[in-house]
Structure formats: structure tokens, C-alpha cells
Amino acid sequence: MRTRFRLTRDGDGFVARLTPAQAAAMRAALSHVRHRDVSDLTLTLRLRLGTGRETVDALIERLSGGHTESHDIRFHTEELHAVHSALTTAPTMFVSREGAFLQEPFHIRLGFYRENFDALAYGIAEAASEV
């Protein structure tokens, strides 16, 4: 999966050209964090992603769509933060009681390797620093 991309300013937001795999990884991370069975979902999302349920759901919807080619997605700053946080938070949900990362369940559930999520999160931070 290609993990580097550019962000361009668009008013108060940013536009990123994402490959289908990048959009799918972002969607998988957001969906996994969003749909965890927790007692106070709103608080948990605010803690883990920095935003509320409605923003996350709208972002998941925009990242869906079955694109087969690269396409542009517009992000607000809080949405980029949510995507970055989801990519870095989702792997922490696959740590055993002994502290070991559980690669196989992560890959089965999310369809990507942790390295993909880490590299994509790094790519977001790098692209943001270049804008």
C-alpha cells in the first residue's frame, strides 16, 4: 500500500488524493474504533479520536464508496486528527494481557497489517507538516 500522499489547502480544510487502499485502511481504523462495545461511546470517541460520533460516521461514509481509482477527499483539521488517531489507536486494541501485539487477529479483523496503519499515520503527519 502506498502510504505517502499530499495535502493541499482548501479554505479552512485540506484535500488529499487517496488510493482505494488508503481510503479503505482509514475507514477500517475509524470503523473499528467507532464500533467498539463501550459503555460511554461519546466519551470514548472524544478521548480516542478527538471528535464525536456524528463526525466519525460522516467521515466513514465519505471514505466508503467502492472507488477503484485514486480520488480526492476533503478533510477538516479535526477529521485528519480523527483519522490519524484511529490509525494509531486501533492497534492498541489488539494487545494481549501480557502486552504482546496480536498481529493475526488484527489482520483478520481489519484486513491490513499494523505496519500499513503506522506508515499511513506517519504519512498523514508528514503531509500535514508540508502544508
N, C-alpha and C. Protein backbone atom coordinates (compact mmCIF):
# COMPACT_ATOMS: atom_id res chain seq x y z
N MET A 1 0.85 -1.17 0.00
CA MET A 1 0.00 0.00 0.00
C MET A 1 0.89 1.24 0.00
N ARG A 2 0.55 2.16 -0.87
CA ARG A 2 1.24 3.44 -0.88
C ARG A 2 0.80 4.25 0.34
N THR A 3 1.76 4.77 1.10
CA THR A 3 1.40 5.45 2.34
C THR A 3 1.68 6.95 2.30
N ARG A 4 2.34 7.42 1.26
CA ARG A 4 2.60 8.86 1.15
C ARG A 4 1.55 9.50 0.27
N PHE A 5 1.16 10.70 0.65
CA PHE A 5 0.25 11.49 -0.17
C PHE A 5 0.44 12.94 0.19
N ARG A 6 -0.13 13.79 -0.60
CA ARG A 6 -0.03 15.23 -0.36
C ARG A 6 -1.35 15.77 0.11
N LEU A 7 -1.25 16.77 0.95
CA LEU A 7 -2.41 17.55 1.34
C LEU A 7 -2.27 18.92 0.71
N THR A 8 -3.35 19.43 0.21
CA THR A 8 -3.36 20.81 -0.28
C THR A 8 -4.42 21.57 0.49
N ARG A 9 -4.14 22.82 0.75
CA ARG A 9 -5.11 23.67 1.46
C ARG A 9 -6.30 23.94 0.58
N ASP A 10 -7.47 23.96 1.21
CA ASP A 10 -8.70 24.30 0.52
C ASP A 10 -9.56 25.07 1.52
N GLY A 11 -9.40 26.37 1.55
CA GLY A 11 -10.10 27.18 2.53
C GLY A 11 -9.67 26.81 3.93
N ASP A 12 -10.62 26.41 4.77
CA ASP A 12 -10.30 26.01 6.14
C ASP A 12 -10.02 24.52 6.27
N GLY A 13 -9.94 23.82 5.15
CA GLY A 13 -9.70 22.39 5.17
C GLY A 13 -8.54 21.99 4.29
N PHE A 14 -8.48 20.71 3.99
CA PHE A 14 -7.42 20.14 3.18
C PHE A 14 -8.02 19.14 2.21
N VAL A 15 -7.35 18.96 1.10
CA VAL A 15 -7.75 17.94 0.14
C VAL A 15 -6.59 16.95 0.00
N ALA A 16 -6.92 15.67 0.07
CA ALA A 16 -5.93 14.60 -0.11
C ALA A 16 -6.40 13.70 -1.24
N ARG A 17 -5.48 13.33 -2.11
CA ARG A 17 -5.78 12.33 -3.13
C ARG A 17 -5.40 10.98 -2.55
N LEU A 18 -6.42 10.14 -2.34
CA LEU A 18 -6.21 8.84 -1.70
C LEU A 18 -6.39 7.71 -2.69
N THR A 19 -5.55 6.70 -2.54
CA THR A 19 -5.75 5.47 -3.30
C THR A 19 -6.91 4.72 -2.64
N PRO A 20 -7.51 3.78 -3.35
CA PRO A 20 -8.56 2.96 -2.72
C PRO A 20 -8.08 2.25 -1.46
N ALA A 21 -6.84 1.76 -1.45
CA ALA A 21 -6.31 1.07 -0.26
C ALA A 21 -6.14 2.03 0.91
N GLN A 22 -5.68 3.24 0.65
CA GLN A 22 -5.54 4.22 1.73
C GLN A 22 -6.90 4.55 2.34
N ALA A 23 -7.88 4.80 1.49
CA ALA A 23 -9.22 5.11 1.99
C ALA A 23 -9.79 3.92 2.76
N ALA A 24 -9.55 2.70 2.28
CA ALA A 24 -10.06 1.50 2.97
C ALA A 24 -9.39 1.33 4.33
N ALA A 25 -8.10 1.59 4.43
CA ALA A 25 -7.40 1.48 5.72
C ALA A 25 -7.92 2.51 6.70
N MET A 26 -8.10 3.74 6.23
CA MET A 26 -8.65 4.79 7.11
C MET A 26 -10.05 4.42 7.59
N ARG A 27 -10.87 3.94 6.66
CA ARG A 27 -12.23 3.54 7.00
C ARG A 27 -12.23 2.38 8.00
N ALA A 28 -11.36 1.40 7.79
CA ALA A 28 -11.28 0.24 8.69
C ALA A 28 -10.88 0.68 10.10
N ALA A 29 -9.91 1.56 10.20
CA ALA A 29 -9.45 2.03 11.51
C ALA A 29 -10.57 2.80 12.22
N LEU A 30 -11.18 3.74 11.51
CA LEU A 30 -12.27 4.53 12.10
C LEU A 30 -13.44 3.64 12.51
N SER A 31 -13.81 2.72 11.65
CA SER A 31 -14.94 1.83 11.95
C SER A 31 -14.66 0.96 13.17
N HIS A 32 -13.44 0.45 13.26
CA HIS A 32 -13.11 -0.41 14.40
C HIS A 32 -13.19 0.36 15.71
N VAL A 33 -12.61 1.54 15.73
CA VAL A 33 -12.65 2.34 16.96
C VAL A 33 -14.08 2.79 17.24
N ARG A 34 -14.81 3.16 16.21
CA ARG A 34 -16.19 3.67 16.36
C ARG A 34 -17.14 2.60 16.90
N HIS A 35 -16.97 1.37 16.47
CA HIS A 35 -17.95 0.34 16.79
C HIS A 35 -17.54 -0.57 17.94
N ARG A 36 -16.60 -0.13 18.73
CA ARG A 36 -16.23 -0.89 19.93
C ARG A 36 -17.41 -0.89 20.89
N ASP A 37 -17.61 -1.99 21.57
CA ASP A 37 -18.69 -2.09 22.54
C ASP A 37 -18.22 -1.48 23.86
N VAL A 38 -18.52 -0.21 24.04
CA VAL A 38 -18.10 0.50 25.25
C VAL A 38 -19.32 1.15 25.89
N SER A 39 -19.20 1.42 27.17
CA SER A 39 -20.35 1.95 27.89
C SER A 39 -20.68 3.39 27.52
N ASP A 40 -19.70 4.23 27.35
CA ASP A 40 -19.95 5.62 27.00
C ASP A 40 -19.23 5.93 25.70
N LEU A 41 -19.88 5.60 24.60
CA LEU A 41 -19.27 5.73 23.29
C LEU A 41 -18.84 7.16 22.99
N THR A 42 -19.65 8.13 23.34
CA THR A 42 -19.31 9.52 23.03
C THR A 42 -18.03 9.93 23.74
N LEU A 43 -17.91 9.64 25.02
CA LEU A 43 -16.70 9.98 25.76
C LEU A 43 -15.49 9.26 25.18
N THR A 44 -15.66 7.97 24.88
CA THR A 44 -14.56 7.19 24.35
C THR A 44 -14.09 7.74 23.01
N LEU A 45 -15.03 8.08 22.13
CA LEU A 45 -14.64 8.64 20.84
C LEU A 45 -13.92 9.97 21.02
N ARG A 46 -14.41 10.80 21.91
CA ARG A 46 -13.75 12.08 22.16
C ARG A 46 -12.35 11.87 22.69
N LEU A 47 -12.18 10.89 23.56
CA LEU A 47 -10.86 10.59 24.11
C LEU A 47 -9.94 10.01 23.04
N ARG A 48 -10.43 9.02 22.32
CA ARG A 48 -9.58 8.32 21.35
C ARG A 48 -9.41 9.07 20.03
N LEU A 49 -10.48 9.73 19.56
CA LEU A 49 -10.42 10.34 18.23
C LEU A 49 -10.51 11.86 18.24
N GLY A 50 -10.86 12.44 19.36
CA GLY A 50 -10.92 13.89 19.45
C GLY A 50 -12.17 14.50 18.85
N THR A 51 -13.15 13.68 18.52
CA THR A 51 -14.38 14.20 17.92
C THR A 51 -15.54 13.30 18.29
N GLY A 52 -16.73 13.70 17.92
CA GLY A 52 -17.92 12.94 18.27
C GLY A 52 -18.35 11.94 17.22
N ARG A 53 -19.37 11.21 17.58
CA ARG A 53 -19.92 10.12 16.77
C ARG A 53 -20.37 10.58 15.38
N GLU A 54 -21.04 11.73 15.32
CA GLU A 54 -21.57 12.21 14.03
C GLU A 54 -20.45 12.50 13.04
N THR A 55 -19.38 13.12 13.52
CA THR A 55 -18.24 13.43 12.64
C THR A 55 -17.59 12.15 12.14
N VAL A 56 -17.41 11.19 13.04
CA VAL A 56 -16.79 9.92 12.67
C VAL A 56 -17.66 9.17 11.66
N ASP A 57 -18.96 9.12 11.90
CA ASP A 57 -19.85 8.43 10.97
C ASP A 57 -19.84 9.08 9.59
N ALA A 58 -19.85 10.40 9.54
CA ALA A 58 -19.81 11.11 8.25
C ALA A 58 -18.50 10.85 7.54
N LEU A 59 -17.42 10.80 8.28
CA LEU A 59 -16.11 10.53 7.69
C LEU A 59 -16.02 9.11 7.14
N ILE A 60 -16.54 8.14 7.89
CA ILE A 60 -16.57 6.75 7.41
C ILE A 60 -17.37 6.67 6.11
N GLU A 61 -18.49 7.36 6.06
CA GLU A 61 -19.33 7.37 4.86
C GLU A 61 -18.58 7.96 3.67
N ARG A 62 -17.86 9.06 3.88
CA ARG A 62 -17.12 9.69 2.78
C ARG A 62 -15.96 8.83 2.30
N LEU A 63 -15.39 8.04 3.19
CA LEU A 63 -14.28 7.16 2.81
C LEU A 63 -14.78 5.87 2.16
N SER A 64 -16.07 5.63 2.21
CA SER A 64 -16.68 4.47 1.56
C SER A 64 -17.00 4.84 0.12
N GLY A 65 -17.49 3.93 -0.61
CA GLY A 65 -17.94 4.26 -1.95
C GLY A 65 -17.40 3.37 -3.04
N GLY A 66 -16.54 2.44 -2.71
CA GLY A 66 -16.08 1.48 -3.70
C GLY A 66 -15.28 2.06 -4.84
N HIS A 67 -14.50 3.11 -4.57
CA HIS A 67 -13.67 3.69 -5.62
C HIS A 67 -12.62 2.67 -6.06
N THR A 68 -12.39 2.63 -7.36
CA THR A 68 -11.36 1.75 -7.90
C THR A 68 -10.13 2.53 -8.35
N GLU A 69 -10.23 3.83 -8.35
CA GLU A 69 -9.12 4.72 -8.72
C GLU A 69 -8.88 5.70 -7.58
N SER A 70 -7.72 6.34 -7.60
CA SER A 70 -7.45 7.38 -6.62
C SER A 70 -8.49 8.49 -6.77
N HIS A 71 -8.84 9.10 -5.66
CA HIS A 71 -9.85 10.16 -5.67
C HIS A 71 -9.55 11.16 -4.56
N ASP A 72 -10.08 12.35 -4.72
CA ASP A 72 -9.86 13.41 -3.74
C ASP A 72 -10.89 13.34 -2.63
N ILE A 73 -10.40 13.54 -1.41
CA ILE A 73 -11.25 13.62 -0.23
C ILE A 73 -10.89 14.91 0.49
N ARG A 74 -11.91 15.65 0.89
CA ARG A 74 -11.70 16.89 1.64
C ARG A 74 -11.81 16.58 3.13
N PHE A 75 -10.87 17.09 3.90
CA PHE A 75 -10.83 16.89 5.35
C PHE A 75 -10.79 18.23 6.06
N HIS A 76 -11.50 18.32 7.17
CA HIS A 76 -11.29 19.41 8.11
C HIS A 76 -10.17 18.95 9.05
N THR A 77 -9.55 19.88 9.74
CA THR A 77 -8.45 19.53 10.63
C THR A 77 -8.85 18.48 11.65
N GLU A 78 -10.04 18.62 12.25
CA GLU A 78 -10.47 17.63 13.26
C GLU A 78 -10.67 16.25 12.64
N GLU A 79 -11.02 16.20 11.36
CA GLU A 79 -11.18 14.90 10.70
C GLU A 79 -9.82 14.24 10.45
N LEU A 80 -8.83 15.03 10.05
CA LEU A 80 -7.48 14.48 9.89
C LEU A 80 -6.97 13.95 11.23
N HIS A 81 -7.24 14.71 12.28
CA HIS A 81 -6.85 14.27 13.61
C HIS A 81 -7.53 12.93 13.95
N ALA A 82 -8.81 12.82 13.65
CA ALA A 82 -9.55 11.59 13.94
C ALA A 82 -8.99 10.41 13.17
N VAL A 83 -8.68 10.61 11.89
CA VAL A 83 -8.11 9.52 11.09
C VAL A 83 -6.75 9.11 11.65
N HIS A 84 -5.90 10.09 11.92
CA HIS A 84 -4.58 9.80 12.47
C HIS A 84 -4.70 9.05 13.79
N SER A 85 -5.58 9.52 14.65
CA SER A 85 -5.78 8.87 15.94
C SER A 85 -6.32 7.45 15.79
N ALA A 86 -7.25 7.25 14.87
CA ALA A 86 -7.79 5.90 14.65
C ALA A 86 -6.71 4.95 14.17
N LEU A 87 -5.86 5.42 13.28
CA LEU A 87 -4.77 4.58 12.77
C LEU A 87 -3.78 4.20 13.86
N THR A 88 -3.58 5.08 14.82
CA THR A 88 -2.64 4.78 15.90
C THR A 88 -3.32 4.08 17.08
N THR A 89 -4.62 4.28 17.25
CA THR A 89 -5.36 3.67 18.36
C THR A 89 -5.78 2.24 18.08
N ALA A 90 -6.23 1.96 16.87
CA ALA A 90 -6.75 0.62 16.55
C ALA A 90 -5.77 -0.50 16.93
N PRO A 91 -4.47 -0.37 16.63
CA PRO A 91 -3.56 -1.46 17.01
C PRO A 91 -3.49 -1.69 18.52
N THR A 92 -3.70 -0.65 19.31
CA THR A 92 -3.63 -0.84 20.77
C THR A 92 -4.78 -1.69 21.29
N MET A 93 -5.80 -1.87 20.48
CA MET A 93 -6.94 -2.69 20.87
C MET A 93 -6.68 -4.18 20.61
N PHE A 94 -5.50 -4.49 20.11
CA PHE A 94 -5.11 -5.87 19.82
C PHE A 94 -3.85 -6.24 20.60
N VAL A 95 -3.79 -5.83 21.84
CA VAL A 95 -2.67 -6.15 22.71
C VAL A 95 -3.17 -7.15 23.75
N SER A 96 -2.41 -8.23 23.91
CA SER A 96 -2.81 -9.26 24.87
C SER A 96 -2.61 -8.76 26.30
N ARG A 97 -3.13 -9.51 27.23
CA ARG A 97 -2.96 -9.16 28.65
C ARG A 97 -1.49 -9.14 29.05
N GLU A 98 -0.69 -9.91 28.34
CA GLU A 98 0.74 -9.96 28.62
C GLU A 98 1.50 -8.82 27.95
N GLY A 99 0.82 -8.06 27.13
CA GLY A 99 1.44 -6.91 26.48
C GLY A 99 1.94 -7.15 25.07
N ALA A 100 1.67 -8.31 24.51
CA ALA A 100 2.13 -8.63 23.16
C ALA A 100 1.09 -8.18 22.13
N PHE A 101 1.55 -7.63 21.03
CA PHE A 101 0.65 -7.25 19.95
C PHE A 101 0.20 -8.51 19.22
N LEU A 102 -1.12 -8.61 18.95
CA LEU A 102 -1.70 -9.78 18.31
C LEU A 102 -1.91 -9.50 16.82
N GLN A 103 -0.87 -9.79 16.05
CA GLN A 103 -0.87 -9.45 14.62
C GLN A 103 -1.96 -10.18 13.84
N GLU A 104 -2.12 -11.47 14.06
CA GLU A 104 -3.09 -12.24 13.27
C GLU A 104 -4.52 -11.76 13.47
N PRO A 105 -5.00 -11.61 14.71
CA PRO A 105 -6.36 -11.08 14.88
C PRO A 105 -6.53 -9.67 14.30
N PHE A 106 -5.49 -8.85 14.42
CA PHE A 106 -5.53 -7.51 13.83
C PHE A 106 -5.73 -7.60 12.32
N HIS A 107 -4.94 -8.42 11.67
CA HIS A 107 -5.02 -8.57 10.22
C HIS A 107 -6.35 -9.17 9.79
N ILE A 108 -6.82 -10.15 10.51
CA ILE A 108 -8.10 -10.78 10.17
C ILE A 108 -9.24 -9.77 10.31
N ARG A 109 -9.27 -9.04 11.41
CA ARG A 109 -10.37 -8.10 11.67
C ARG A 109 -10.33 -6.87 10.77
N LEU A 110 -9.13 -6.32 10.54
CA LEU A 110 -9.03 -5.05 9.82
C LEU A 110 -8.57 -5.17 8.37
N GLY A 111 -8.02 -6.30 8.01
CA GLY A 111 -7.63 -6.51 6.62
C GLY A 111 -6.34 -5.85 6.20
N PHE A 112 -5.59 -5.37 7.17
CA PHE A 112 -4.31 -4.71 6.91
C PHE A 112 -3.33 -5.15 7.97
N TYR A 113 -2.04 -4.90 7.71
CA TYR A 113 -1.03 -5.14 8.72
C TYR A 113 -0.82 -3.86 9.52
N ARG A 114 -0.34 -4.03 10.72
CA ARG A 114 -0.09 -2.86 11.57
C ARG A 114 0.88 -1.89 10.89
N GLU A 115 1.84 -2.42 10.19
CA GLU A 115 2.82 -1.58 9.52
C GLU A 115 2.14 -0.63 8.53
N ASN A 116 1.05 -1.10 7.89
CA ASN A 116 0.30 -0.24 6.98
C ASN A 116 -0.31 0.93 7.73
N PHE A 117 -0.92 0.65 8.89
CA PHE A 117 -1.53 1.70 9.69
C PHE A 117 -0.48 2.69 10.19
N ASP A 118 0.64 2.15 10.68
CA ASP A 118 1.71 3.01 11.20
C ASP A 118 2.26 3.92 10.10
N ALA A 119 2.52 3.35 8.94
CA ALA A 119 3.07 4.13 7.84
C ALA A 119 2.07 5.17 7.33
N LEU A 120 0.81 4.82 7.28
CA LEU A 120 -0.21 5.76 6.83
C LEU A 120 -0.36 6.91 7.84
N ALA A 121 -0.34 6.60 9.14
CA ALA A 121 -0.39 7.64 10.17
C ALA A 121 0.82 8.57 10.04
N TYR A 122 1.97 7.99 9.81
CA TYR A 122 3.18 8.80 9.61
C TYR A 122 3.03 9.66 8.36
N GLY A 123 2.46 9.10 7.30
CA GLY A 123 2.24 9.85 6.07
C GLY A 123 1.32 11.05 6.28
N ILE A 124 0.30 10.89 7.11
CA ILE A 124 -0.61 12.00 7.41
C ILE A 124 0.15 13.11 8.12
N ALA A 125 0.95 12.73 9.13
CA ALA A 125 1.72 13.73 9.88
C ALA A 125 2.72 14.44 8.98
N GLU A 126 3.38 13.70 8.10
CA GLU A 126 4.35 14.29 7.18
C GLU A 126 3.67 15.24 6.20
N ALA A 127 2.54 14.81 5.64
CA ALA A 127 1.81 15.65 4.68
C ALA A 127 1.32 16.92 5.36
N ALA A 128 0.85 16.81 6.60
CA ALA A 128 0.39 18.00 7.32
C ALA A 128 1.53 18.96 7.60
N SER A 129 2.71 18.43 7.87
CA SER A 129 3.85 19.31 8.16
C SER A 129 4.35 20.02 6.90
N GLU A 130 4.03 19.49 5.73
CA GLU A 130 4.46 20.09 4.47
C GLU A 130 3.50 21.14 3.94
N VAL A 131 2.30 21.22 4.51
CA VAL A 131 1.29 22.17 4.02
C VAL A 131 1.59 23.55 4.56
